[in-house]
């Protein structure tokens, strides 16, 4: 179900940006205006619940969604809270040096590449990213991190480890 949640977020950029609170900085970097939601977040959570539960393999879950779709909005919100906690736990393992860097920057730098898992590689096939990793990699335990990091990296509401200082500075080694 988490994979469906992430897939919906990828397919619905505008809704995802509004759901996670767009930042002026991100909008400026991407050459666009800041997006503000004219709808309550529950509207987007309801759309997500539909994407996640309307075709669930469990017939009882599908029936619950058909009879009371609003009952499944709270579990979607709760899942985001769980993802946020796991995302920040992962980021703490990156230390201050890596939390503000993009996934690509982390992968290209030999010093930070090991922080996310030496055995991880990313392959692009027809603009679709396929993540390949061994079982001992951090990412094998939390495969949604690259997507979440792309969305939440500079958002202090989601990335509680990030600092506005220049990402990539290693204050620990300078101390």
N, C-alpha and C. Protein backbone atom coordinates (compact mmCIF):
# COMPACT_ATOMS: atom_id res chain seq x y z
N UNK A 1 0.82 -1.20 0.00
CA UNK A 1 0.00 0.00 0.00
C UNK A 1 0.86 1.27 0.00
N UNK A 2 2.01 1.21 0.64
CA UNK A 2 2.90 2.37 0.63
C UNK A 2 3.39 2.64 -0.79
N UNK A 3 3.64 1.58 -1.53
CA UNK A 3 4.08 1.77 -2.92
C UNK A 3 3.01 2.47 -3.74
N UNK A 4 1.75 2.16 -3.48
CA UNK A 4 0.65 2.85 -4.19
C UNK A 4 0.56 4.31 -3.76
N UNK A 5 0.80 4.57 -2.49
CA UNK A 5 0.80 5.94 -1.99
C UNK A 5 1.90 6.75 -2.69
N UNK A 6 3.10 6.20 -2.76
CA UNK A 6 4.22 6.88 -3.41
C UNK A 6 3.93 7.05 -4.91
N UNK A 7 3.38 6.02 -5.55
CA UNK A 7 3.06 6.09 -6.98
C UNK A 7 2.05 7.21 -7.25
N UNK A 8 1.05 7.34 -6.38
CA UNK A 8 0.05 8.41 -6.55
C UNK A 8 0.72 9.77 -6.42
N UNK A 9 1.59 9.90 -5.44
CA UNK A 9 2.29 11.18 -5.25
C UNK A 9 3.14 11.52 -6.47
N UNK A 10 3.79 10.53 -7.06
CA UNK A 10 4.60 10.76 -8.26
C UNK A 10 3.72 11.19 -9.43
N UNK A 11 2.56 10.58 -9.56
CA UNK A 11 1.67 10.84 -10.70
C UNK A 11 0.87 12.13 -10.54
N UNK A 12 0.81 12.68 -9.34
CA UNK A 12 -0.02 13.86 -9.06
C UNK A 12 0.84 14.96 -8.44
N UNK A 13 1.74 15.51 -9.25
CA UNK A 13 2.68 16.52 -8.75
C UNK A 13 2.00 17.69 -8.05
N UNK A 14 1.00 18.28 -8.69
CA UNK A 14 0.34 19.45 -8.11
C UNK A 14 -0.27 19.13 -6.75
N UNK A 15 -1.00 18.03 -6.68
CA UNK A 15 -1.63 17.64 -5.42
C UNK A 15 -0.57 17.33 -4.36
N UNK A 16 0.50 16.64 -4.77
CA UNK A 16 1.58 16.31 -3.82
C UNK A 16 2.22 17.58 -3.28
N UNK A 17 2.50 18.52 -4.16
CA UNK A 17 3.13 19.77 -3.73
C UNK A 17 2.23 20.51 -2.74
N UNK A 18 0.95 20.55 -3.02
CA UNK A 18 0.00 21.23 -2.12
C UNK A 18 -0.14 20.46 -0.81
N UNK A 19 -0.13 19.15 -0.89
CA UNK A 19 -0.26 18.31 0.30
C UNK A 19 0.92 18.50 1.25
N UNK A 20 2.12 18.63 0.69
CA UNK A 20 3.32 18.76 1.52
C UNK A 20 3.73 20.21 1.73
N UNK A 21 2.91 21.15 1.37
CA UNK A 21 3.20 22.56 1.56
C UNK A 21 4.38 23.01 0.70
N UNK A 22 4.07 23.62 -0.41
CA UNK A 22 5.08 24.11 -1.34
C UNK A 22 5.90 25.21 -0.69
N UNK A 23 7.16 25.27 -1.05
CA UNK A 23 8.01 26.33 -0.51
C UNK A 23 8.36 27.32 -1.61
N UNK A 24 8.57 28.56 -1.22
CA UNK A 24 8.97 29.61 -2.16
C UNK A 24 10.31 29.23 -2.78
N UNK A 25 11.22 28.71 -1.97
CA UNK A 25 12.55 28.34 -2.46
C UNK A 25 12.46 27.28 -3.56
N UNK A 26 11.68 26.22 -3.31
CA UNK A 26 11.54 25.16 -4.31
C UNK A 26 10.92 25.69 -5.59
N UNK A 27 9.89 26.51 -5.44
CA UNK A 27 9.22 27.08 -6.62
C UNK A 27 10.20 27.92 -7.43
N UNK A 28 11.00 28.74 -6.75
CA UNK A 28 11.97 29.60 -7.42
C UNK A 28 13.02 28.76 -8.16
N UNK A 29 13.53 27.72 -7.48
CA UNK A 29 14.54 26.84 -8.09
C UNK A 29 14.00 26.13 -9.33
N UNK A 30 12.69 25.84 -9.32
CA UNK A 30 12.08 25.13 -10.43
C UNK A 30 11.47 26.07 -11.47
N UNK A 31 11.63 27.38 -11.27
CA UNK A 31 11.16 28.36 -12.22
C UNK A 31 9.65 28.42 -12.35
N UNK A 32 8.95 28.32 -11.25
CA UNK A 32 7.48 28.35 -11.25
C UNK A 32 6.98 29.15 -10.06
N UNK A 33 5.68 29.42 -10.06
CA UNK A 33 5.07 30.11 -8.93
C UNK A 33 4.77 29.11 -7.82
N UNK A 34 4.78 29.61 -6.59
CA UNK A 34 4.44 28.77 -5.45
C UNK A 34 2.99 28.31 -5.59
N UNK A 35 2.76 27.04 -5.32
CA UNK A 35 1.41 26.48 -5.42
C UNK A 35 0.77 26.45 -4.05
N UNK A 36 -0.41 27.03 -3.98
CA UNK A 36 -1.16 27.02 -2.74
C UNK A 36 -2.45 26.27 -2.96
N UNK A 37 -2.83 25.53 -1.96
CA UNK A 37 -4.04 24.73 -2.07
C UNK A 37 -5.28 25.56 -1.80
N UNK A 38 -6.23 25.46 -2.69
CA UNK A 38 -7.53 26.09 -2.47
C UNK A 38 -8.48 25.12 -1.80
N UNK A 39 -8.02 23.89 -1.63
CA UNK A 39 -8.83 22.83 -1.03
C UNK A 39 -8.18 22.37 0.26
N UNK A 40 -9.00 21.87 1.19
CA UNK A 40 -8.39 21.31 2.40
C UNK A 40 -7.57 20.06 2.07
N UNK A 41 -6.57 19.80 2.88
CA UNK A 41 -5.71 18.63 2.65
C UNK A 41 -6.50 17.33 2.65
N UNK A 42 -7.61 17.30 3.37
CA UNK A 42 -8.44 16.09 3.42
C UNK A 42 -8.91 15.69 2.02
N UNK A 43 -9.07 16.68 1.12
CA UNK A 43 -9.46 16.38 -0.25
C UNK A 43 -8.40 15.51 -0.92
N UNK A 44 -7.13 15.86 -0.70
CA UNK A 44 -6.03 15.09 -1.29
C UNK A 44 -5.88 13.74 -0.60
N UNK A 45 -6.08 13.72 0.72
CA UNK A 45 -6.03 12.45 1.43
C UNK A 45 -7.14 11.51 0.93
N UNK A 46 -8.31 12.05 0.62
CA UNK A 46 -9.41 11.24 0.08
C UNK A 46 -9.03 10.68 -1.29
N UNK A 47 -8.39 11.49 -2.12
CA UNK A 47 -7.94 11.01 -3.44
C UNK A 47 -6.89 9.91 -3.26
N UNK A 48 -6.01 10.10 -2.31
CA UNK A 48 -4.99 9.08 -2.03
C UNK A 48 -5.64 7.79 -1.53
N UNK A 49 -6.60 7.91 -0.63
CA UNK A 49 -7.29 6.73 -0.11
C UNK A 49 -7.95 5.96 -1.25
N UNK A 50 -8.53 6.68 -2.19
CA UNK A 50 -9.13 6.04 -3.36
C UNK A 50 -8.08 5.26 -4.15
N UNK A 51 -6.94 5.89 -4.40
CA UNK A 51 -5.88 5.24 -5.17
C UNK A 51 -5.32 4.01 -4.45
N UNK A 52 -5.28 4.08 -3.14
CA UNK A 52 -4.68 3.00 -2.36
C UNK A 52 -5.65 1.85 -2.10
N UNK A 53 -6.90 2.18 -1.74
CA UNK A 53 -7.81 1.16 -1.23
C UNK A 53 -8.91 0.70 -2.19
N UNK A 54 -9.22 1.45 -3.22
CA UNK A 54 -10.35 1.08 -4.09
C UNK A 54 -10.11 -0.25 -4.82
N UNK A 55 -8.86 -0.59 -5.06
CA UNK A 55 -8.54 -1.86 -5.73
C UNK A 55 -7.68 -2.76 -4.86
N UNK A 56 -7.84 -2.63 -3.54
CA UNK A 56 -7.04 -3.43 -2.62
C UNK A 56 -7.30 -4.92 -2.83
N UNK A 57 -6.27 -5.73 -2.60
CA UNK A 57 -6.42 -7.17 -2.80
C UNK A 57 -7.33 -7.81 -1.75
N UNK A 58 -7.49 -7.13 -0.61
CA UNK A 58 -8.36 -7.64 0.45
C UNK A 58 -9.80 -7.17 0.19
N UNK A 59 -10.73 -8.09 -0.05
CA UNK A 59 -12.12 -7.68 -0.34
C UNK A 59 -12.79 -6.91 0.80
N UNK A 60 -12.39 -7.19 2.04
CA UNK A 60 -12.96 -6.46 3.17
C UNK A 60 -12.53 -5.00 3.16
N UNK A 61 -11.29 -4.75 2.78
CA UNK A 61 -10.79 -3.37 2.69
C UNK A 61 -11.53 -2.64 1.56
N UNK A 62 -11.69 -3.32 0.42
CA UNK A 62 -12.43 -2.71 -0.70
C UNK A 62 -13.86 -2.38 -0.29
N UNK A 63 -14.51 -3.30 0.43
CA UNK A 63 -15.88 -3.07 0.88
C UNK A 63 -15.94 -1.90 1.85
N UNK A 64 -15.01 -1.83 2.78
CA UNK A 64 -14.96 -0.71 3.72
C UNK A 64 -14.79 0.60 2.96
N UNK A 65 -13.92 0.60 1.97
CA UNK A 65 -13.71 1.82 1.19
C UNK A 65 -14.98 2.20 0.42
N UNK A 66 -15.67 1.21 -0.14
CA UNK A 66 -16.90 1.49 -0.90
C UNK A 66 -18.02 2.02 -0.01
N UNK A 67 -18.13 1.48 1.20
CA UNK A 67 -19.22 1.88 2.08
C UNK A 67 -18.90 3.10 2.94
N UNK A 68 -17.62 3.29 3.25
CA UNK A 68 -17.23 4.40 4.11
C UNK A 68 -15.84 4.90 3.74
N UNK A 69 -15.71 5.55 2.59
CA UNK A 69 -14.38 5.97 2.14
C UNK A 69 -13.67 6.90 3.12
N UNK A 70 -14.42 7.71 3.83
CA UNK A 70 -13.78 8.65 4.76
C UNK A 70 -13.11 7.93 5.93
N UNK A 71 -13.51 6.69 6.19
CA UNK A 71 -12.90 5.92 7.29
C UNK A 71 -11.44 5.59 7.00
N UNK A 72 -11.04 5.67 5.74
CA UNK A 72 -9.67 5.30 5.38
C UNK A 72 -8.77 6.51 5.15
N UNK A 73 -9.30 7.70 5.39
CA UNK A 73 -8.47 8.90 5.27
C UNK A 73 -7.46 8.97 6.42
N UNK A 74 -7.91 8.68 7.62
CA UNK A 74 -7.03 8.73 8.79
C UNK A 74 -5.85 7.76 8.65
N UNK A 75 -6.05 6.52 8.19
CA UNK A 75 -4.89 5.65 8.00
C UNK A 75 -3.87 6.20 6.99
N UNK A 76 -4.34 6.93 5.98
CA UNK A 76 -3.42 7.54 5.02
C UNK A 76 -2.61 8.63 5.73
N UNK A 77 -3.27 9.46 6.51
CA UNK A 77 -2.57 10.50 7.26
C UNK A 77 -1.56 9.88 8.23
N UNK A 78 -1.97 8.81 8.90
CA UNK A 78 -1.10 8.12 9.84
C UNK A 78 0.12 7.54 9.13
N UNK A 79 -0.09 7.02 7.92
CA UNK A 79 1.03 6.45 7.17
C UNK A 79 2.05 7.52 6.82
N UNK A 80 1.59 8.73 6.48
CA UNK A 80 2.53 9.81 6.22
C UNK A 80 3.34 10.14 7.47
N UNK A 81 2.69 10.10 8.62
CA UNK A 81 3.42 10.33 9.87
C UNK A 81 4.49 9.28 10.10
N UNK A 82 4.16 8.02 9.80
CA UNK A 82 5.12 6.93 9.93
C UNK A 82 6.27 7.10 8.94
N UNK A 83 5.93 7.46 7.70
CA UNK A 83 6.97 7.69 6.69
C UNK A 83 7.88 8.84 7.10
N UNK A 84 7.30 9.88 7.66
CA UNK A 84 8.09 11.03 8.10
C UNK A 84 9.07 10.62 9.20
N UNK A 85 8.61 9.82 10.16
CA UNK A 85 9.50 9.35 11.24
C UNK A 85 10.63 8.49 10.67
N UNK A 86 10.31 7.56 9.78
CA UNK A 86 11.32 6.69 9.19
C UNK A 86 12.27 7.50 8.30
N UNK A 87 11.74 8.46 7.59
CA UNK A 87 12.56 9.32 6.74
C UNK A 87 13.59 10.09 7.58
N UNK A 88 13.14 10.64 8.69
CA UNK A 88 14.07 11.39 9.55
C UNK A 88 15.06 10.49 10.27
N UNK A 89 14.66 9.29 10.60
CA UNK A 89 15.59 8.33 11.20
C UNK A 89 16.69 8.01 10.18
N UNK A 90 16.30 7.80 8.93
CA UNK A 90 17.27 7.55 7.86
C UNK A 90 18.20 8.75 7.72
N UNK A 91 17.61 9.96 7.72
CA UNK A 91 18.41 11.18 7.57
C UNK A 91 19.41 11.36 8.70
N UNK A 92 19.05 10.98 9.91
CA UNK A 92 19.98 11.09 11.03
C UNK A 92 21.22 10.25 10.79
N UNK A 93 21.05 9.13 10.08
CA UNK A 93 22.21 8.29 9.78
C UNK A 93 23.12 8.96 8.74
N UNK A 94 22.58 9.93 7.99
CA UNK A 94 23.39 10.66 7.01
C UNK A 94 24.23 11.73 7.68
N UNK A 95 23.88 12.08 8.89
CA UNK A 95 24.52 13.15 9.63
C UNK A 95 24.26 14.48 8.93
N UNK A 96 24.73 15.54 9.46
CA UNK A 96 24.47 16.88 8.92
C UNK A 96 25.01 17.03 7.49
N UNK A 97 26.06 16.32 7.19
CA UNK A 97 26.71 16.45 5.89
C UNK A 97 25.78 16.11 4.74
N UNK A 98 24.95 15.07 4.88
CA UNK A 98 24.20 14.58 3.74
C UNK A 98 22.74 14.92 3.66
N UNK A 99 22.13 15.41 4.74
CA UNK A 99 20.68 15.55 4.73
C UNK A 99 20.14 16.58 3.75
N UNK A 100 20.92 17.60 3.42
CA UNK A 100 20.43 18.62 2.50
C UNK A 100 20.80 18.37 1.06
N UNK A 101 21.62 17.35 0.82
CA UNK A 101 22.04 17.05 -0.54
C UNK A 101 20.97 16.26 -1.27
N UNK A 102 20.93 16.38 -2.59
CA UNK A 102 20.00 15.58 -3.36
C UNK A 102 20.49 14.14 -3.38
N UNK A 103 19.62 13.25 -3.77
CA UNK A 103 20.01 11.84 -3.86
C UNK A 103 21.17 11.68 -4.85
N UNK A 104 21.09 12.35 -5.99
CA UNK A 104 22.16 12.26 -6.99
C UNK A 104 23.48 12.77 -6.43
N UNK A 105 23.45 13.87 -5.68
CA UNK A 105 24.68 14.41 -5.08
C UNK A 105 25.27 13.41 -4.08
N UNK A 106 24.41 12.75 -3.32
CA UNK A 106 24.88 11.75 -2.36
C UNK A 106 25.52 10.57 -3.09
N UNK A 107 24.91 10.17 -4.20
CA UNK A 107 25.41 9.03 -4.96
C UNK A 107 26.75 9.32 -5.65
N UNK A 108 26.95 10.55 -6.10
CA UNK A 108 28.15 10.91 -6.84
C UNK A 108 29.36 11.11 -5.94
N UNK A 109 29.14 11.44 -4.70
CA UNK A 109 30.23 11.71 -3.77
C UNK A 109 30.62 10.42 -3.05
N UNK A 110 31.86 9.95 -3.22
CA UNK A 110 32.29 8.69 -2.58
C UNK A 110 32.16 8.71 -1.06
N UNK A 111 32.31 9.89 -0.45
CA UNK A 111 32.22 9.97 1.02
C UNK A 111 30.78 9.82 1.49
N UNK A 112 29.82 10.36 0.75
CA UNK A 112 28.42 10.27 1.20
C UNK A 112 27.70 9.07 0.61
N UNK A 113 28.21 8.51 -0.46
CA UNK A 113 27.58 7.34 -1.08
C UNK A 113 27.46 6.20 -0.07
N UNK A 114 28.48 6.04 0.75
CA UNK A 114 28.45 4.96 1.73
C UNK A 114 27.42 5.20 2.82
N UNK A 115 27.03 6.45 3.03
CA UNK A 115 26.02 6.74 4.05
C UNK A 115 24.65 6.18 3.70
N UNK A 116 24.34 6.13 2.40
CA UNK A 116 23.02 5.62 2.01
C UNK A 116 23.05 4.16 1.62
N UNK A 117 24.21 3.58 1.52
CA UNK A 117 24.32 2.17 1.21
C UNK A 117 25.16 1.93 -0.01
N UNK A 118 26.32 1.40 0.19
CA UNK A 118 27.28 1.13 -0.89
C UNK A 118 26.69 0.23 -1.96
N UNK A 119 25.81 -0.67 -1.57
CA UNK A 119 25.31 -1.67 -2.50
C UNK A 119 24.09 -1.22 -3.29
N UNK A 120 23.82 0.05 -3.32
CA UNK A 120 22.64 0.58 -3.99
C UNK A 120 23.01 1.19 -5.33
N UNK A 121 22.22 0.90 -6.33
CA UNK A 121 22.42 1.56 -7.62
C UNK A 121 21.08 1.92 -8.20
N UNK A 122 21.08 2.91 -9.05
CA UNK A 122 19.84 3.39 -9.65
C UNK A 122 20.03 3.34 -11.16
N UNK A 123 19.09 2.71 -11.84
CA UNK A 123 19.18 2.57 -13.28
C UNK A 123 17.95 3.22 -13.90
N UNK A 124 18.14 4.02 -14.92
CA UNK A 124 17.02 4.65 -15.59
C UNK A 124 16.72 3.89 -16.88
N UNK A 125 15.48 3.44 -17.00
CA UNK A 125 15.03 2.75 -18.20
C UNK A 125 13.79 3.47 -18.69
N UNK A 126 13.89 4.10 -19.86
CA UNK A 126 12.78 4.86 -20.42
C UNK A 126 12.22 5.86 -19.42
N UNK A 127 13.11 6.61 -18.77
CA UNK A 127 12.76 7.64 -17.80
C UNK A 127 12.11 7.09 -16.53
N UNK A 128 12.13 5.79 -16.33
CA UNK A 128 11.61 5.20 -15.11
C UNK A 128 12.81 4.70 -14.32
N UNK A 129 12.86 5.04 -13.05
CA UNK A 129 13.99 4.63 -12.25
C UNK A 129 13.72 3.27 -11.62
N UNK A 130 14.68 2.40 -11.74
CA UNK A 130 14.60 1.08 -11.13
C UNK A 130 15.67 1.05 -10.05
N UNK A 131 15.27 0.74 -8.85
CA UNK A 131 16.21 0.72 -7.74
C UNK A 131 16.65 -0.72 -7.48
N UNK A 132 17.95 -0.93 -7.51
CA UNK A 132 18.52 -2.24 -7.28
C UNK A 132 19.41 -2.15 -6.04
N UNK A 133 19.22 -3.06 -5.10
CA UNK A 133 20.07 -3.01 -3.92
C UNK A 133 20.12 -4.38 -3.25
N UNK A 134 21.15 -4.55 -2.43
CA UNK A 134 21.29 -5.78 -1.68
C UNK A 134 20.55 -5.67 -0.36
N UNK A 135 20.28 -6.81 0.26
CA UNK A 135 19.47 -6.84 1.47
C UNK A 135 20.06 -6.06 2.63
N UNK A 136 21.38 -5.88 2.70
CA UNK A 136 21.98 -5.20 3.84
C UNK A 136 22.00 -3.68 3.69
N UNK A 137 21.59 -3.17 2.57
CA UNK A 137 21.58 -1.73 2.33
C UNK A 137 20.49 -1.05 3.16
N UNK A 138 20.77 0.18 3.59
CA UNK A 138 19.75 0.96 4.30
C UNK A 138 18.50 1.12 3.45
N UNK A 139 18.71 1.31 2.16
CA UNK A 139 17.58 1.52 1.27
C UNK A 139 16.73 0.28 1.06
N UNK A 140 17.30 -0.90 1.29
CA UNK A 140 16.49 -2.11 1.18
C UNK A 140 15.45 -2.15 2.30
N UNK A 141 15.77 -1.48 3.41
CA UNK A 141 14.85 -1.42 4.54
C UNK A 141 13.85 -0.27 4.42
N UNK A 142 14.20 0.73 3.63
CA UNK A 142 13.32 1.90 3.45
C UNK A 142 13.43 2.40 2.00
N UNK A 143 12.87 1.63 1.06
CA UNK A 143 13.05 1.93 -0.37
C UNK A 143 12.37 3.21 -0.84
N UNK A 144 11.54 3.81 -0.03
CA UNK A 144 10.83 5.03 -0.44
C UNK A 144 11.64 6.28 -0.15
N UNK A 145 12.78 6.13 0.52
CA UNK A 145 13.57 7.29 0.89
C UNK A 145 13.97 8.17 -0.30
N UNK A 146 14.45 7.64 -1.43
CA UNK A 146 14.84 8.54 -2.53
C UNK A 146 13.69 9.43 -3.00
N UNK A 147 12.49 8.88 -3.09
CA UNK A 147 11.34 9.70 -3.50
C UNK A 147 11.00 10.74 -2.44
N UNK A 148 10.90 10.29 -1.20
CA UNK A 148 10.57 11.22 -0.11
C UNK A 148 11.63 12.30 0.01
N UNK A 149 12.89 11.93 -0.17
CA UNK A 149 13.97 12.90 -0.06
C UNK A 149 13.87 13.94 -1.18
N UNK A 150 13.46 13.51 -2.35
CA UNK A 150 13.26 14.45 -3.45
C UNK A 150 12.17 15.46 -3.13
N UNK A 151 11.17 15.05 -2.38
CA UNK A 151 10.04 15.94 -2.04
C UNK A 151 10.27 16.71 -0.76
N UNK A 152 10.92 16.11 0.22
CA UNK A 152 10.98 16.67 1.57
C UNK A 152 12.35 17.23 1.95
N UNK A 153 13.35 17.05 1.14
CA UNK A 153 14.73 17.37 1.49
C UNK A 153 14.90 18.75 2.12
N UNK A 154 14.30 19.79 1.54
CA UNK A 154 14.48 21.15 2.05
C UNK A 154 13.26 21.66 2.82
N UNK A 155 12.33 20.79 3.12
CA UNK A 155 11.11 21.19 3.81
C UNK A 155 11.25 20.87 5.30
N UNK A 156 11.45 21.90 6.14
CA UNK A 156 11.67 21.64 7.57
C UNK A 156 10.45 21.02 8.27
N UNK A 157 9.28 21.10 7.66
CA UNK A 157 8.11 20.45 8.25
C UNK A 157 8.23 18.93 8.15
N UNK A 158 9.01 18.45 7.19
CA UNK A 158 9.18 17.01 7.00
C UNK A 158 10.60 16.54 7.30
N UNK A 159 11.59 17.34 6.97
CA UNK A 159 12.98 16.96 7.21
C UNK A 159 13.47 17.73 8.43
N UNK A 160 13.36 17.11 9.58
CA UNK A 160 13.72 17.78 10.82
C UNK A 160 15.23 17.77 11.07
N UNK A 161 15.99 17.07 10.24
CA UNK A 161 17.43 16.99 10.40
C UNK A 161 18.13 18.04 9.55
N UNK A 162 17.48 18.51 8.51
CA UNK A 162 18.07 19.45 7.55
C UNK A 162 18.40 20.78 8.20
N UNK A 163 19.52 21.35 7.80
CA UNK A 163 19.94 22.66 8.25
C UNK A 163 19.98 23.58 7.04
N UNK A 164 19.75 24.86 7.24
CA UNK A 164 19.82 25.81 6.13
C UNK A 164 21.25 26.15 5.77
N UNK A 165 22.21 25.67 6.58
CA UNK A 165 23.62 25.86 6.23
C UNK A 165 23.91 25.13 4.93
N UNK A 166 25.00 25.45 4.30
CA UNK A 166 25.36 24.84 3.04
C UNK A 166 25.42 23.32 3.18
N UNK A 167 24.50 22.59 2.49
CA UNK A 167 24.57 21.13 2.59
C UNK A 167 25.87 20.65 2.00
N UNK A 168 26.46 19.71 2.67
CA UNK A 168 27.73 19.19 2.19
C UNK A 168 28.89 19.66 3.06
N UNK A 169 28.65 20.70 3.86
CA UNK A 169 29.70 21.11 4.78
C UNK A 169 29.79 20.07 5.89
N UNK A 170 30.97 19.72 6.25
CA UNK A 170 31.17 18.71 7.28
C UNK A 170 31.67 19.39 8.54
N UNK A 171 30.74 19.82 9.38
CA UNK A 171 31.11 20.53 10.60
C UNK A 171 31.76 19.60 11.62
N UNK A 172 31.41 18.31 11.58
CA UNK A 172 31.98 17.39 12.54
C UNK A 172 33.49 17.27 12.35
N UNK A 173 33.94 17.17 11.09
CA UNK A 173 35.37 17.00 10.86
C UNK A 173 36.14 18.30 11.11
N UNK A 174 35.47 19.43 11.03
CA UNK A 174 36.13 20.71 11.26
C UNK A 174 36.27 21.02 12.75
N UNK A 175 35.50 20.33 13.58
CA UNK A 175 35.52 20.59 15.03
C UNK A 175 36.77 20.05 15.69
